Amino acid sequence: MNTDARPRLVIGNDHKLLADACRRLLEPEFQVVALVTDGRSLIDAALNLKPDVAIVDIAMPLLNGLDAGEQIKRRLRSVKLVFLAISDDAELAAEAFRRGASAYVLKQAGGDELVNATRTVVQGRTFLSSSVARETITFLLNRDKPFGAARRLSGRQSEILQLLAEGMSMKEAAGVLGISPATVAFHKYQMMETLGVKTNAGLLRYAINQQLLCV
């Protein structure tokens, strides 16, 4: 029986040094129950362990943090999402809050800011790194415009795009998602038509622009 009363966290970050650093920062006050290195493992860990907070790096392999966090929040409404990002772009931050974020923390901020953000969301409040203008986020959320006009892809298409952009074949992507290669191919060509691109390079550029890849 677990008698540790500290709030329980899972950490999703594909950089082991950063993940370990996060754990060392947080463990004096919080119980870190899992460290994972990709978005799909993060979903599995959250569903199995039901933490109080998920620390989510936006740029992760197999499934980016935005999509992973959204899936977690859809199935575990009580989990607080703390997104970590390099970009202070207001539209990206607004999209994180649309996906269910309780906090948006810049990686270049000090370690104390991550601890403060985690403490804040456990208390039921929201947190935003100071270098991201809160007024801009509020404006973008009220405008309710999807990030980069670009969220025209379905959730499944976004998953497929990331796997293909990471260099997987359609067969390999199908294996990860548990669908047929023909279904992957259908979605790929539907995406190309939707986005108005004609080549794999065009899809890759789109994935990079949407920050679906660790680049």
N, C-alpha and C. Protein backbone atom coordinates (compact mmCIF):
# COMPACT_ATOMS: atom_id res chain seq x y z
N MET A 1 0.85 -1.20 0.00
CA MET A 1 0.00 0.00 0.00
C MET A 1 0.88 1.25 0.00
N ASN A 2 0.62 2.16 -0.89
CA ASN A 2 1.41 3.39 -0.99
C ASN A 2 0.92 4.40 0.03
N THR A 3 1.81 4.75 0.97
CA THR A 3 1.44 5.71 2.02
C THR A 3 2.01 7.09 1.74
N ASP A 4 2.65 7.26 0.60
CA ASP A 4 3.23 8.55 0.22
C ASP A 4 2.11 9.50 -0.17
N ALA A 5 1.97 10.58 0.56
CA ALA A 5 0.86 11.51 0.35
C ALA A 5 1.18 12.60 -0.67
N ARG A 6 2.41 12.60 -1.19
CA ARG A 6 2.76 13.64 -2.17
C ARG A 6 1.97 13.45 -3.46
N PRO A 7 1.63 14.56 -4.16
CA PRO A 7 0.98 14.44 -5.47
C PRO A 7 1.83 13.60 -6.42
N ARG A 8 1.17 12.80 -7.25
CA ARG A 8 1.85 11.85 -8.12
C ARG A 8 2.02 12.43 -9.53
N LEU A 9 3.23 12.28 -10.08
CA LEU A 9 3.54 12.83 -11.39
C LEU A 9 4.04 11.76 -12.34
N VAL A 10 3.74 11.92 -13.64
CA VAL A 10 4.46 11.22 -14.69
C VAL A 10 5.15 12.29 -15.53
N ILE A 11 6.34 11.97 -16.03
CA ILE A 11 7.13 12.90 -16.83
C ILE A 11 7.37 12.30 -18.19
N GLY A 12 7.00 13.04 -19.24
CA GLY A 12 7.24 12.61 -20.62
C GLY A 12 8.25 13.54 -21.27
N ASN A 13 9.47 13.01 -21.53
CA ASN A 13 10.51 13.80 -22.16
C ASN A 13 11.49 12.85 -22.82
N ASP A 14 11.77 13.05 -24.11
CA ASP A 14 12.64 12.10 -24.82
C ASP A 14 14.12 12.35 -24.57
N HIS A 15 14.47 13.40 -23.84
CA HIS A 15 15.87 13.65 -23.47
C HIS A 15 16.08 13.18 -22.03
N LYS A 16 16.85 12.09 -21.87
CA LYS A 16 16.98 11.48 -20.55
C LYS A 16 17.57 12.45 -19.52
N LEU A 17 18.56 13.25 -19.94
CA LEU A 17 19.16 14.19 -19.00
C LEU A 17 18.13 15.19 -18.49
N LEU A 18 17.29 15.70 -19.40
CA LEU A 18 16.26 16.65 -19.00
C LEU A 18 15.21 15.98 -18.12
N ALA A 19 14.85 14.75 -18.47
CA ALA A 19 13.86 14.02 -17.67
C ALA A 19 14.38 13.78 -16.26
N ASP A 20 15.65 13.36 -16.16
CA ASP A 20 16.24 13.14 -14.84
C ASP A 20 16.35 14.44 -14.06
N ALA A 21 16.69 15.53 -14.75
CA ALA A 21 16.77 16.83 -14.09
C ALA A 21 15.41 17.26 -13.55
N CYS A 22 14.37 17.04 -14.35
CA CYS A 22 13.01 17.35 -13.89
C CYS A 22 12.66 16.53 -12.65
N ARG A 23 13.00 15.26 -12.69
CA ARG A 23 12.68 14.41 -11.53
C ARG A 23 13.39 14.90 -10.28
N ARG A 24 14.68 15.24 -10.40
CA ARG A 24 15.42 15.71 -9.23
C ARG A 24 14.84 17.01 -8.68
N LEU A 25 14.40 17.88 -9.59
CA LEU A 25 13.80 19.14 -9.15
C LEU A 25 12.49 18.91 -8.40
N LEU A 26 11.70 17.96 -8.88
CA LEU A 26 10.33 17.80 -8.40
C LEU A 26 10.19 16.84 -7.22
N GLU A 27 11.10 15.88 -7.11
CA GLU A 27 10.90 14.82 -6.13
C GLU A 27 10.88 15.27 -4.67
N PRO A 28 11.55 16.33 -4.29
CA PRO A 28 11.40 16.72 -2.88
C PRO A 28 9.96 17.02 -2.48
N GLU A 29 9.16 17.47 -3.44
CA GLU A 29 7.78 17.88 -3.12
C GLU A 29 6.73 16.97 -3.73
N PHE A 30 7.10 16.24 -4.80
CA PHE A 30 6.14 15.41 -5.54
C PHE A 30 6.70 14.00 -5.73
N GLN A 31 5.79 13.06 -5.92
CA GLN A 31 6.15 11.66 -6.14
C GLN A 31 6.15 11.37 -7.65
N VAL A 32 7.33 11.15 -8.22
CA VAL A 32 7.44 10.85 -9.65
C VAL A 32 7.26 9.34 -9.83
N VAL A 33 6.16 8.95 -10.47
CA VAL A 33 5.83 7.53 -10.56
C VAL A 33 6.25 6.92 -11.90
N ALA A 34 6.61 7.75 -12.89
CA ALA A 34 7.06 7.21 -14.18
C ALA A 34 7.80 8.28 -14.98
N LEU A 35 8.86 7.83 -15.67
CA LEU A 35 9.55 8.64 -16.67
C LEU A 35 9.41 7.91 -18.00
N VAL A 36 8.92 8.60 -19.02
CA VAL A 36 8.75 7.96 -20.34
C VAL A 36 9.35 8.87 -21.41
N THR A 37 9.62 8.29 -22.59
CA THR A 37 10.39 9.02 -23.60
C THR A 37 9.63 9.30 -24.90
N ASP A 38 8.35 8.92 -24.97
CA ASP A 38 7.57 9.24 -26.17
C ASP A 38 6.11 9.41 -25.79
N GLY A 39 5.36 10.01 -26.71
CA GLY A 39 3.97 10.35 -26.42
C GLY A 39 3.07 9.16 -26.18
N ARG A 40 3.32 8.07 -26.89
CA ARG A 40 2.46 6.89 -26.71
C ARG A 40 2.71 6.23 -25.36
N SER A 41 3.97 6.17 -24.95
CA SER A 41 4.27 5.62 -23.62
C SER A 41 3.70 6.51 -22.52
N LEU A 42 3.66 7.81 -22.78
CA LEU A 42 3.09 8.73 -21.80
C LEU A 42 1.60 8.45 -21.60
N ILE A 43 0.88 8.24 -22.69
CA ILE A 43 -0.54 7.90 -22.57
C ILE A 43 -0.72 6.62 -21.76
N ASP A 44 0.05 5.59 -22.10
CA ASP A 44 -0.06 4.31 -21.38
C ASP A 44 0.23 4.49 -19.90
N ALA A 45 1.30 5.24 -19.57
CA ALA A 45 1.66 5.44 -18.17
C ALA A 45 0.56 6.19 -17.42
N ALA A 46 0.01 7.22 -18.06
CA ALA A 46 -1.04 8.00 -17.40
C ALA A 46 -2.29 7.16 -17.16
N LEU A 47 -2.69 6.37 -18.15
CA LEU A 47 -3.90 5.56 -17.99
C LEU A 47 -3.71 4.48 -16.96
N ASN A 48 -2.51 3.92 -16.87
CA ASN A 48 -2.25 2.84 -15.90
C ASN A 48 -2.05 3.37 -14.48
N LEU A 49 -1.37 4.52 -14.35
CA LEU A 49 -0.96 5.00 -13.03
C LEU A 49 -1.87 6.10 -12.48
N LYS A 50 -2.64 6.73 -13.37
CA LYS A 50 -3.59 7.78 -12.97
C LYS A 50 -2.94 8.82 -12.04
N PRO A 51 -1.94 9.53 -12.56
CA PRO A 51 -1.25 10.54 -11.73
C PRO A 51 -2.11 11.78 -11.53
N ASP A 52 -1.65 12.63 -10.63
CA ASP A 52 -2.30 13.92 -10.44
C ASP A 52 -1.87 14.91 -11.52
N VAL A 53 -0.62 14.79 -11.97
CA VAL A 53 -0.06 15.73 -12.94
C VAL A 53 0.77 14.97 -13.97
N ALA A 54 0.68 15.40 -15.23
CA ALA A 54 1.57 14.90 -16.29
C ALA A 54 2.41 16.07 -16.76
N ILE A 55 3.74 15.90 -16.70
CA ILE A 55 4.68 16.88 -17.24
C ILE A 55 4.96 16.46 -18.68
N VAL A 56 4.56 17.28 -19.64
CA VAL A 56 4.52 16.85 -21.04
C VAL A 56 5.41 17.74 -21.91
N ASP A 57 6.49 17.17 -22.46
CA ASP A 57 7.29 17.88 -23.45
C ASP A 57 6.50 17.91 -24.76
N ILE A 58 6.34 19.09 -25.35
CA ILE A 58 5.55 19.18 -26.57
C ILE A 58 6.20 18.42 -27.72
N ALA A 59 7.53 18.44 -27.80
CA ALA A 59 8.23 17.77 -28.91
C ALA A 59 8.70 16.39 -28.46
N MET A 60 7.89 15.36 -28.74
CA MET A 60 8.27 13.98 -28.42
C MET A 60 8.06 13.09 -29.63
N PRO A 61 8.84 12.00 -29.74
CA PRO A 61 8.67 11.07 -30.87
C PRO A 61 7.41 10.22 -30.72
N LEU A 62 7.03 9.62 -31.84
CA LEU A 62 5.88 8.71 -31.97
C LEU A 62 4.54 9.43 -31.84
N LEU A 63 4.44 10.32 -30.86
CA LEU A 63 3.23 11.15 -30.73
C LEU A 63 3.64 12.41 -29.98
N ASN A 64 3.40 13.57 -30.59
CA ASN A 64 3.82 14.82 -29.95
C ASN A 64 3.02 15.08 -28.68
N GLY A 65 3.56 15.97 -27.85
CA GLY A 65 2.95 16.22 -26.55
C GLY A 65 1.56 16.80 -26.60
N LEU A 66 1.27 17.65 -27.60
CA LEU A 66 -0.07 18.22 -27.70
C LEU A 66 -1.12 17.14 -27.92
N ASP A 67 -0.85 16.24 -28.86
CA ASP A 67 -1.81 15.18 -29.14
C ASP A 67 -1.89 14.19 -27.98
N ALA A 68 -0.73 13.86 -27.38
CA ALA A 68 -0.73 12.93 -26.25
C ALA A 68 -1.49 13.53 -25.07
N GLY A 69 -1.21 14.79 -24.77
CA GLY A 69 -1.88 15.43 -23.65
C GLY A 69 -3.38 15.51 -23.86
N GLU A 70 -3.79 15.83 -25.08
CA GLU A 70 -5.22 15.90 -25.36
C GLU A 70 -5.90 14.55 -25.14
N GLN A 71 -5.25 13.46 -25.58
CA GLN A 71 -5.83 12.13 -25.39
C GLN A 71 -5.91 11.77 -23.91
N ILE A 72 -4.88 12.13 -23.15
CA ILE A 72 -4.89 11.85 -21.71
C ILE A 72 -6.04 12.62 -21.05
N LYS A 73 -6.14 13.89 -21.37
CA LYS A 73 -7.16 14.74 -20.74
C LYS A 73 -8.56 14.27 -21.08
N ARG A 74 -8.75 13.77 -22.29
CA ARG A 74 -10.06 13.28 -22.71
C ARG A 74 -10.49 12.09 -21.87
N ARG A 75 -9.54 11.26 -21.46
CA ARG A 75 -9.86 10.02 -20.74
C ARG A 75 -9.68 10.14 -19.22
N LEU A 76 -8.86 11.09 -18.80
CA LEU A 76 -8.65 11.31 -17.36
C LEU A 76 -8.80 12.80 -17.08
N ARG A 77 -10.03 13.22 -16.87
CA ARG A 77 -10.31 14.65 -16.77
C ARG A 77 -9.60 15.31 -15.59
N SER A 78 -9.31 14.55 -14.55
CA SER A 78 -8.73 15.15 -13.35
C SER A 78 -7.23 15.41 -13.47
N VAL A 79 -6.57 14.81 -14.44
CA VAL A 79 -5.12 14.99 -14.58
C VAL A 79 -4.81 16.41 -15.02
N LYS A 80 -3.84 17.03 -14.35
CA LYS A 80 -3.38 18.37 -14.73
C LYS A 80 -2.21 18.21 -15.70
N LEU A 81 -2.25 18.96 -16.80
CA LEU A 81 -1.20 18.90 -17.81
C LEU A 81 -0.29 20.12 -17.70
N VAL A 82 1.00 19.85 -17.53
CA VAL A 82 2.02 20.90 -17.54
C VAL A 82 2.86 20.70 -18.79
N PHE A 83 2.68 21.58 -19.78
CA PHE A 83 3.41 21.46 -21.04
C PHE A 83 4.75 22.18 -20.94
N LEU A 84 5.80 21.52 -21.45
CA LEU A 84 7.13 22.13 -21.55
C LEU A 84 7.41 22.41 -23.02
N ALA A 85 7.91 23.62 -23.33
CA ALA A 85 8.14 23.99 -24.72
C ALA A 85 9.34 24.91 -24.83
N ILE A 86 9.97 24.88 -26.00
CA ILE A 86 11.04 25.83 -26.29
C ILE A 86 10.46 27.16 -26.73
N SER A 87 9.36 27.11 -27.47
CA SER A 87 8.81 28.30 -28.12
C SER A 87 7.94 29.13 -27.17
N ASP A 88 8.16 30.45 -27.24
CA ASP A 88 7.28 31.36 -26.50
C ASP A 88 6.19 31.92 -27.41
N ASP A 89 5.97 31.25 -28.55
CA ASP A 89 4.94 31.66 -29.49
C ASP A 89 3.57 31.59 -28.83
N ALA A 90 2.85 32.70 -28.88
CA ALA A 90 1.56 32.78 -28.18
C ALA A 90 0.54 31.81 -28.76
N GLU A 91 0.56 31.59 -30.07
CA GLU A 91 -0.41 30.68 -30.68
C GLU A 91 -0.19 29.25 -30.21
N LEU A 92 1.07 28.85 -30.08
CA LEU A 92 1.36 27.50 -29.59
C LEU A 92 0.91 27.36 -28.14
N ALA A 93 1.17 28.36 -27.34
CA ALA A 93 0.73 28.33 -25.94
C ALA A 93 -0.79 28.26 -25.85
N ALA A 94 -1.46 29.04 -26.68
CA ALA A 94 -2.93 29.02 -26.68
C ALA A 94 -3.44 27.65 -27.09
N GLU A 95 -2.79 27.03 -28.07
CA GLU A 95 -3.21 25.69 -28.49
C GLU A 95 -3.04 24.70 -27.36
N ALA A 96 -1.96 24.84 -26.58
CA ALA A 96 -1.76 23.94 -25.43
C ALA A 96 -2.92 24.06 -24.44
N PHE A 97 -3.37 25.28 -24.19
CA PHE A 97 -4.51 25.46 -23.28
C PHE A 97 -5.80 24.94 -23.90
N ARG A 98 -5.94 25.05 -25.21
CA ARG A 98 -7.11 24.45 -25.86
C ARG A 98 -7.12 22.93 -25.67
N ARG A 99 -5.93 22.35 -25.62
CA ARG A 99 -5.83 20.89 -25.49
C ARG A 99 -5.98 20.42 -24.04
N GLY A 100 -6.13 21.35 -23.12
CA GLY A 100 -6.37 20.96 -21.73
C GLY A 100 -5.27 21.31 -20.76
N ALA A 101 -4.31 22.13 -21.17
CA ALA A 101 -3.20 22.50 -20.29
C ALA A 101 -3.68 23.24 -19.05
N SER A 102 -2.98 22.98 -17.96
CA SER A 102 -3.11 23.82 -16.78
C SER A 102 -1.91 24.74 -16.65
N ALA A 103 -0.80 24.37 -17.32
CA ALA A 103 0.41 25.20 -17.27
C ALA A 103 1.19 25.08 -18.57
N TYR A 104 1.86 26.17 -18.94
CA TYR A 104 2.74 26.21 -20.10
C TYR A 104 4.05 26.82 -19.64
N VAL A 105 5.12 26.01 -19.64
CA VAL A 105 6.40 26.41 -19.06
C VAL A 105 7.48 26.33 -20.14
N LEU A 106 8.27 27.38 -20.26
CA LEU A 106 9.37 27.39 -21.22
C LEU A 106 10.56 26.64 -20.65
N LYS A 107 11.20 25.84 -21.50
CA LYS A 107 12.34 25.04 -21.06
C LYS A 107 13.50 25.92 -20.59
N GLN A 108 13.62 27.12 -21.16
CA GLN A 108 14.72 28.00 -20.80
C GLN A 108 14.49 28.71 -19.47
N ALA A 109 13.33 28.53 -18.88
CA ALA A 109 13.06 29.11 -17.56
C ALA A 109 13.85 28.34 -16.50
N GLY A 110 13.99 28.94 -15.34
CA GLY A 110 14.69 28.27 -14.25
C GLY A 110 13.90 27.10 -13.69
N GLY A 111 14.62 26.20 -13.05
CA GLY A 111 13.98 25.03 -12.46
C GLY A 111 12.91 25.38 -11.45
N ASP A 112 13.10 26.50 -10.74
CA ASP A 112 12.10 26.92 -9.76
C ASP A 112 10.75 27.18 -10.42
N GLU A 113 10.78 27.59 -11.70
CA GLU A 113 9.52 27.89 -12.39
C GLU A 113 8.72 26.62 -12.64
N LEU A 114 9.41 25.52 -12.98
CA LEU A 114 8.71 24.25 -13.17
C LEU A 114 8.10 23.77 -11.86
N VAL A 115 8.86 23.88 -10.79
CA VAL A 115 8.33 23.47 -9.48
C VAL A 115 7.12 24.33 -9.12
N ASN A 116 7.24 25.63 -9.33
CA ASN A 116 6.14 26.55 -9.02
C ASN A 116 4.91 26.25 -9.87
N ALA A 117 5.14 25.97 -11.16
CA ALA A 117 4.03 25.64 -12.05
C ALA A 117 3.31 24.38 -11.59
N THR A 118 4.08 23.37 -11.21
CA THR A 118 3.48 22.11 -10.77
C THR A 118 2.70 22.29 -9.47
N ARG A 119 3.28 23.04 -8.58
CA ARG A 119 2.60 23.33 -7.32
C ARG A 119 1.30 24.11 -7.58
N THR A 120 1.35 25.04 -8.52
CA THR A 120 0.18 25.87 -8.83
C THR A 120 -0.96 25.04 -9.40
N VAL A 121 -0.65 24.10 -10.32
CA VAL A 121 -1.74 23.32 -10.93
C VAL A 121 -2.32 22.32 -9.94
N VAL A 122 -1.49 21.82 -9.03
CA VAL A 122 -2.01 20.92 -7.99
C VAL A 122 -3.03 21.66 -7.12
N GLN A 123 -2.82 22.95 -6.96
CA GLN A 123 -3.74 23.78 -6.17
C GLN A 123 -4.97 24.21 -6.96
N GLY A 124 -5.05 23.76 -8.22
CA GLY A 124 -6.23 24.03 -9.02
C GLY A 124 -6.19 25.32 -9.82
N ARG A 125 -5.00 25.93 -9.94
CA ARG A 125 -4.87 27.16 -10.69
C ARG A 125 -4.05 26.92 -11.95
N THR A 126 -3.98 27.91 -12.82
CA THR A 126 -3.21 27.80 -14.05
C THR A 126 -1.91 28.58 -13.93
N PHE A 127 -0.95 28.21 -14.80
CA PHE A 127 0.37 28.86 -14.76
C PHE A 127 0.84 29.08 -16.19
N LEU A 128 1.46 30.25 -16.43
CA LEU A 128 2.01 30.58 -17.74
C LEU A 128 3.35 31.27 -17.53
N SER A 129 4.40 30.78 -18.24
CA SER A 129 5.71 31.43 -18.13
C SER A 129 5.59 32.92 -18.38
N SER A 130 6.33 33.70 -17.61
CA SER A 130 6.18 35.15 -17.62
C SER A 130 6.53 35.78 -18.97
N SER A 131 7.38 35.12 -19.76
CA SER A 131 7.77 35.72 -21.04
C SER A 131 6.72 35.53 -22.13
N VAL A 132 5.66 34.77 -21.83
CA VAL A 132 4.54 34.62 -22.77
C VAL A 132 3.42 35.54 -22.28
N ALA A 133 2.99 36.44 -23.13
CA ALA A 133 2.01 37.44 -22.71
C ALA A 133 0.64 36.82 -22.45
N ARG A 134 0.19 36.90 -21.21
CA ARG A 134 -1.10 36.31 -20.84
C ARG A 134 -2.26 36.97 -21.59
N GLU A 135 -2.14 38.28 -21.83
CA GLU A 135 -3.21 38.97 -22.53
C GLU A 135 -3.37 38.44 -23.95
N THR A 136 -2.24 38.12 -24.59
CA THR A 136 -2.30 37.57 -25.95
C THR A 136 -2.95 36.20 -25.95
N ILE A 137 -2.60 35.38 -24.96
CA ILE A 137 -3.19 34.05 -24.86
C ILE A 137 -4.71 34.16 -24.69
N THR A 138 -5.13 35.06 -23.82
CA THR A 138 -6.57 35.25 -23.59
C THR A 138 -7.26 35.67 -24.88
N PHE A 139 -6.64 36.58 -25.63
CA PHE A 139 -7.22 37.04 -26.89
C PHE A 139 -7.35 35.87 -27.86
N LEU A 140 -6.31 35.06 -27.99
CA LEU A 140 -6.32 33.96 -28.95
C LEU A 140 -7.35 32.89 -28.54
N LEU A 141 -7.46 32.64 -27.25
CA LEU A 141 -8.44 31.65 -26.79
C LEU A 141 -9.87 32.13 -27.05
N ASN A 142 -10.10 33.40 -26.82
CA ASN A 142 -11.44 33.94 -27.07
C ASN A 142 -11.77 33.97 -28.55
N ARG A 143 -10.74 34.16 -29.36
CA ARG A 143 -10.94 34.15 -30.81
C ARG A 143 -11.26 32.75 -31.31
N ASP A 144 -10.75 31.74 -30.55
CA ASP A 144 -11.05 30.33 -30.84
C ASP A 144 -10.61 29.92 -32.24
N LYS A 145 -9.47 30.42 -32.65
CA LYS A 145 -8.91 30.03 -33.96
C LYS A 145 -7.89 28.92 -33.75
N PRO A 146 -8.01 27.79 -34.45
CA PRO A 146 -7.04 26.70 -34.27
C PRO A 146 -5.63 27.15 -34.58
N PHE A 147 -4.66 26.54 -33.86
CA PHE A 147 -3.24 26.87 -34.02
C PHE A 147 -2.80 26.76 -35.46
N GLY A 148 -2.24 27.85 -35.95
CA GLY A 148 -1.67 27.86 -37.28
C GLY A 148 -2.68 27.57 -38.35
N ALA A 149 -3.87 27.93 -38.20
CA ALA A 149 -4.93 27.69 -39.18
C ALA A 149 -4.82 26.28 -39.63
N ALA A 150 -3.88 25.60 -39.05
CA ALA A 150 -3.44 24.39 -39.63
C ALA A 150 -4.07 23.18 -39.02
N ARG A 151 -4.80 23.34 -37.98
CA ARG A 151 -5.39 22.16 -37.36
C ARG A 151 -6.59 21.70 -38.17
N ARG A 152 -6.35 21.54 -39.46
CA ARG A 152 -7.39 21.03 -40.34
C ARG A 152 -7.31 19.52 -40.44
N LEU A 153 -6.28 18.95 -39.87
CA LEU A 153 -6.13 17.50 -39.91
C LEU A 153 -6.87 16.87 -38.74
N SER A 154 -7.37 15.67 -38.96
CA SER A 154 -7.99 14.93 -37.86
C SER A 154 -6.91 14.43 -36.92
N GLY A 155 -7.33 13.96 -35.74
CA GLY A 155 -6.38 13.40 -34.80
C GLY A 155 -5.61 12.24 -35.38
N ARG A 156 -6.28 11.36 -36.08
CA ARG A 156 -5.63 10.21 -36.71
C ARG A 156 -4.63 10.65 -37.76
N GLN A 157 -5.01 11.65 -38.56
CA GLN A 157 -4.10 12.15 -39.58
C GLN A 157 -2.86 12.76 -38.96
N SER A 158 -3.04 13.49 -37.87
CA SER A 158 -1.89 14.09 -37.19
C SER A 158 -0.94 13.01 -36.69
N GLU A 159 -1.49 11.92 -36.15
CA GLU A 159 -0.66 10.81 -35.70
C GLU A 159 0.13 10.21 -36.86
N ILE A 160 -0.55 9.96 -37.96
CA ILE A 160 0.10 9.35 -39.13
C ILE A 160 1.16 10.29 -39.68
N LEU A 161 0.86 11.56 -39.77
CA LEU A 161 1.82 12.52 -40.29
C LEU A 161 3.10 12.51 -39.47
N GLN A 162 2.98 12.50 -38.15
CA GLN A 162 4.18 12.52 -37.33
C GLN A 162 5.03 11.28 -37.56
N LEU A 163 4.41 10.11 -37.61
CA LEU A 163 5.17 8.87 -37.80
C LEU A 163 5.86 8.85 -39.16
N LEU A 164 5.16 9.29 -40.20
CA LEU A 164 5.76 9.33 -41.53
C LEU A 164 6.89 10.35 -41.58
N ALA A 165 6.69 11.50 -40.94
CA ALA A 165 7.71 12.54 -40.94
C ALA A 165 8.95 12.12 -40.16
N GLU A 166 8.77 11.20 -39.20
CA GLU A 166 9.91 10.69 -38.45
C GLU A 166 10.68 9.62 -39.22
N GLY A 167 10.20 9.29 -40.43
CA GLY A 167 10.94 8.38 -41.28
C GLY A 167 10.39 6.97 -41.37
N MET A 168 9.24 6.72 -40.75
CA MET A 168 8.65 5.39 -40.83
C MET A 168 8.03 5.16 -42.20
N SER A 169 8.06 3.91 -42.63
CA SER A 169 7.31 3.54 -43.83
C SER A 169 5.82 3.47 -43.48
N MET A 170 4.98 3.40 -44.50
CA MET A 170 3.55 3.28 -44.23
C MET A 170 3.24 1.98 -43.49
N LYS A 171 3.99 0.92 -43.79
CA LYS A 171 3.78 -0.35 -43.09
C LYS A 171 4.17 -0.23 -41.63
N GLU A 172 5.29 0.44 -41.36
CA GLU A 172 5.72 0.62 -39.97
C GLU A 172 4.74 1.49 -39.19
N ALA A 173 4.28 2.55 -39.81
CA ALA A 173 3.30 3.42 -39.15
C ALA A 173 2.02 2.66 -38.86
N ALA A 174 1.61 1.83 -39.80
CA ALA A 174 0.40 1.02 -39.60
C ALA A 174 0.56 0.10 -38.41
N GLY A 175 1.77 -0.48 -38.25
CA GLY A 175 2.02 -1.37 -37.11
C GLY A 175 1.92 -0.64 -35.78
N VAL A 176 2.45 0.57 -35.72
CA VAL A 176 2.38 1.35 -34.48
C VAL A 176 0.94 1.67 -34.12
N LEU A 177 0.13 2.00 -35.13
CA LEU A 177 -1.24 2.45 -34.89
C LEU A 177 -2.26 1.31 -34.87
N GLY A 178 -1.83 0.11 -35.28
CA GLY A 178 -2.76 -1.01 -35.29
C GLY A 178 -3.80 -0.91 -36.39
N ILE A 179 -3.42 -0.33 -37.53
CA ILE A 179 -4.32 -0.22 -38.67
C ILE A 179 -3.60 -0.80 -39.90
N SER A 180 -4.27 -0.87 -41.02
CA SER A 180 -3.67 -1.45 -42.22
C SER A 180 -2.84 -0.42 -42.97
N PRO A 181 -1.80 -0.85 -43.70
CA PRO A 181 -1.04 0.09 -44.54
C PRO A 181 -1.93 0.83 -45.54
N ALA A 182 -2.97 0.16 -46.02
CA ALA A 182 -3.87 0.82 -46.96
C ALA A 182 -4.58 2.00 -46.31
N THR A 183 -4.94 1.86 -45.04
CA THR A 183 -5.57 2.97 -44.33
C THR A 183 -4.59 4.12 -44.15
N VAL A 184 -3.33 3.79 -43.84
CA VAL A 184 -2.30 4.84 -43.73
C VAL A 184 -2.16 5.57 -45.06
N ALA A 185 -2.10 4.81 -46.15
CA ALA A 185 -1.96 5.42 -47.47
C ALA A 185 -3.14 6.32 -47.79
N PHE A 186 -4.34 5.87 -47.45
CA PHE A 186 -5.54 6.69 -47.69
C PHE A 186 -5.43 8.02 -46.96
N HIS A 187 -5.05 7.97 -45.68
CA HIS A 187 -4.94 9.20 -44.90
C HIS A 187 -3.81 10.08 -45.43
N LYS A 188 -2.71 9.47 -45.85
CA LYS A 188 -1.59 10.26 -46.36
C LYS A 188 -2.03 11.10 -47.57
N TYR A 189 -2.66 10.46 -48.51
CA TYR A 189 -3.03 11.20 -49.72
C TYR A 189 -4.18 12.17 -49.46
N GLN A 190 -5.03 11.85 -48.48
CA GLN A 190 -6.08 12.79 -48.09
C GLN A 190 -5.45 14.03 -47.44
N MET A 191 -4.41 13.82 -46.63
CA MET A 191 -3.70 14.95 -46.02
C MET A 191 -3.07 15.83 -47.09
N MET A 192 -2.43 15.20 -48.06
CA MET A 192 -1.77 15.96 -49.11
C MET A 192 -2.77 16.84 -49.87
N GLU A 193 -3.94 16.28 -50.10
CA GLU A 193 -4.98 17.06 -50.78
C GLU A 193 -5.48 18.19 -49.90
N THR A 194 -5.71 17.90 -48.62
CA THR A 194 -6.21 18.91 -47.69
C THR A 194 -5.23 20.07 -47.54
N LEU A 195 -3.94 19.74 -47.45
CA LEU A 195 -2.92 20.75 -47.20
C LEU A 195 -2.39 21.40 -48.48
N GLY A 196 -2.76 20.83 -49.62
CA GLY A 196 -2.30 21.39 -50.88
C GLY A 196 -0.84 21.15 -51.15
N VAL A 197 -0.30 20.01 -50.67
CA VAL A 197 1.10 19.65 -50.95
C VAL A 197 1.12 18.45 -51.87
N LYS A 198 2.19 18.33 -52.64
CA LYS A 198 2.24 17.28 -53.65
C LYS A 198 3.36 16.26 -53.41
N THR A 199 4.21 16.50 -52.41
CA THR A 199 5.35 15.62 -52.19
C THR A 199 5.50 15.27 -50.71
N ASN A 200 6.30 14.23 -50.45
CA ASN A 200 6.61 13.89 -49.06
C ASN A 200 7.36 15.03 -48.37
N ALA A 201 8.19 15.74 -49.14
CA ALA A 201 8.93 16.88 -48.57
C ALA A 201 7.97 17.96 -48.10
N GLY A 202 6.87 18.14 -48.85
CA GLY A 202 5.87 19.12 -48.44
C GLY A 202 5.22 18.74 -47.12
N LEU A 203 4.93 17.45 -46.96
CA LEU A 203 4.37 16.98 -45.69
C LEU A 203 5.36 17.18 -44.55
N LEU A 204 6.64 16.90 -44.83
CA LEU A 204 7.67 17.06 -43.80
C LEU A 204 7.78 18.51 -43.35
N ARG A 205 7.77 19.44 -44.31
CA ARG A 205 7.84 20.86 -43.96
C ARG A 205 6.65 21.26 -43.10
N TYR A 206 5.48 20.75 -43.45
CA TYR A 206 4.28 21.05 -42.66
C TYR A 206 4.44 20.53 -41.23
N ALA A 207 4.93 19.30 -41.09
CA ALA A 207 5.11 18.71 -39.75
C ALA A 207 6.08 19.53 -38.92
N ILE A 208 7.16 20.00 -39.54
CA ILE A 208 8.13 20.82 -38.83
C ILE A 208 7.51 22.15 -38.42
N ASN A 209 6.78 22.77 -39.33
CA ASN A 209 6.15 24.06 -39.03
C ASN A 209 5.14 23.94 -37.90
N GLN A 210 4.49 22.79 -37.80
CA GLN A 210 3.51 22.58 -36.73
C GLN A 210 4.13 22.05 -35.45
N GLN A 211 5.48 21.95 -35.44
CA GLN A 211 6.23 21.53 -34.27
C GLN A 211 5.82 20.14 -33.80
N LEU A 212 5.58 19.26 -34.79
CA LEU A 212 5.27 17.87 -34.47
C LEU A 212 6.53 17.04 -34.30
N LEU A 213 7.68 17.58 -34.68
CA LEU A 213 8.92 16.82 -34.68
C LEU A 213 9.92 17.40 -33.72
N CYS A 214 10.82 16.54 -33.23
CA CYS A 214 11.94 16.98 -32.41
C CYS A 214 13.07 17.38 -33.35
N VAL A 215 13.20 18.64 -33.69
CA VAL A 215 14.22 19.11 -34.62
C VAL A 215 15.07 20.19 -33.97
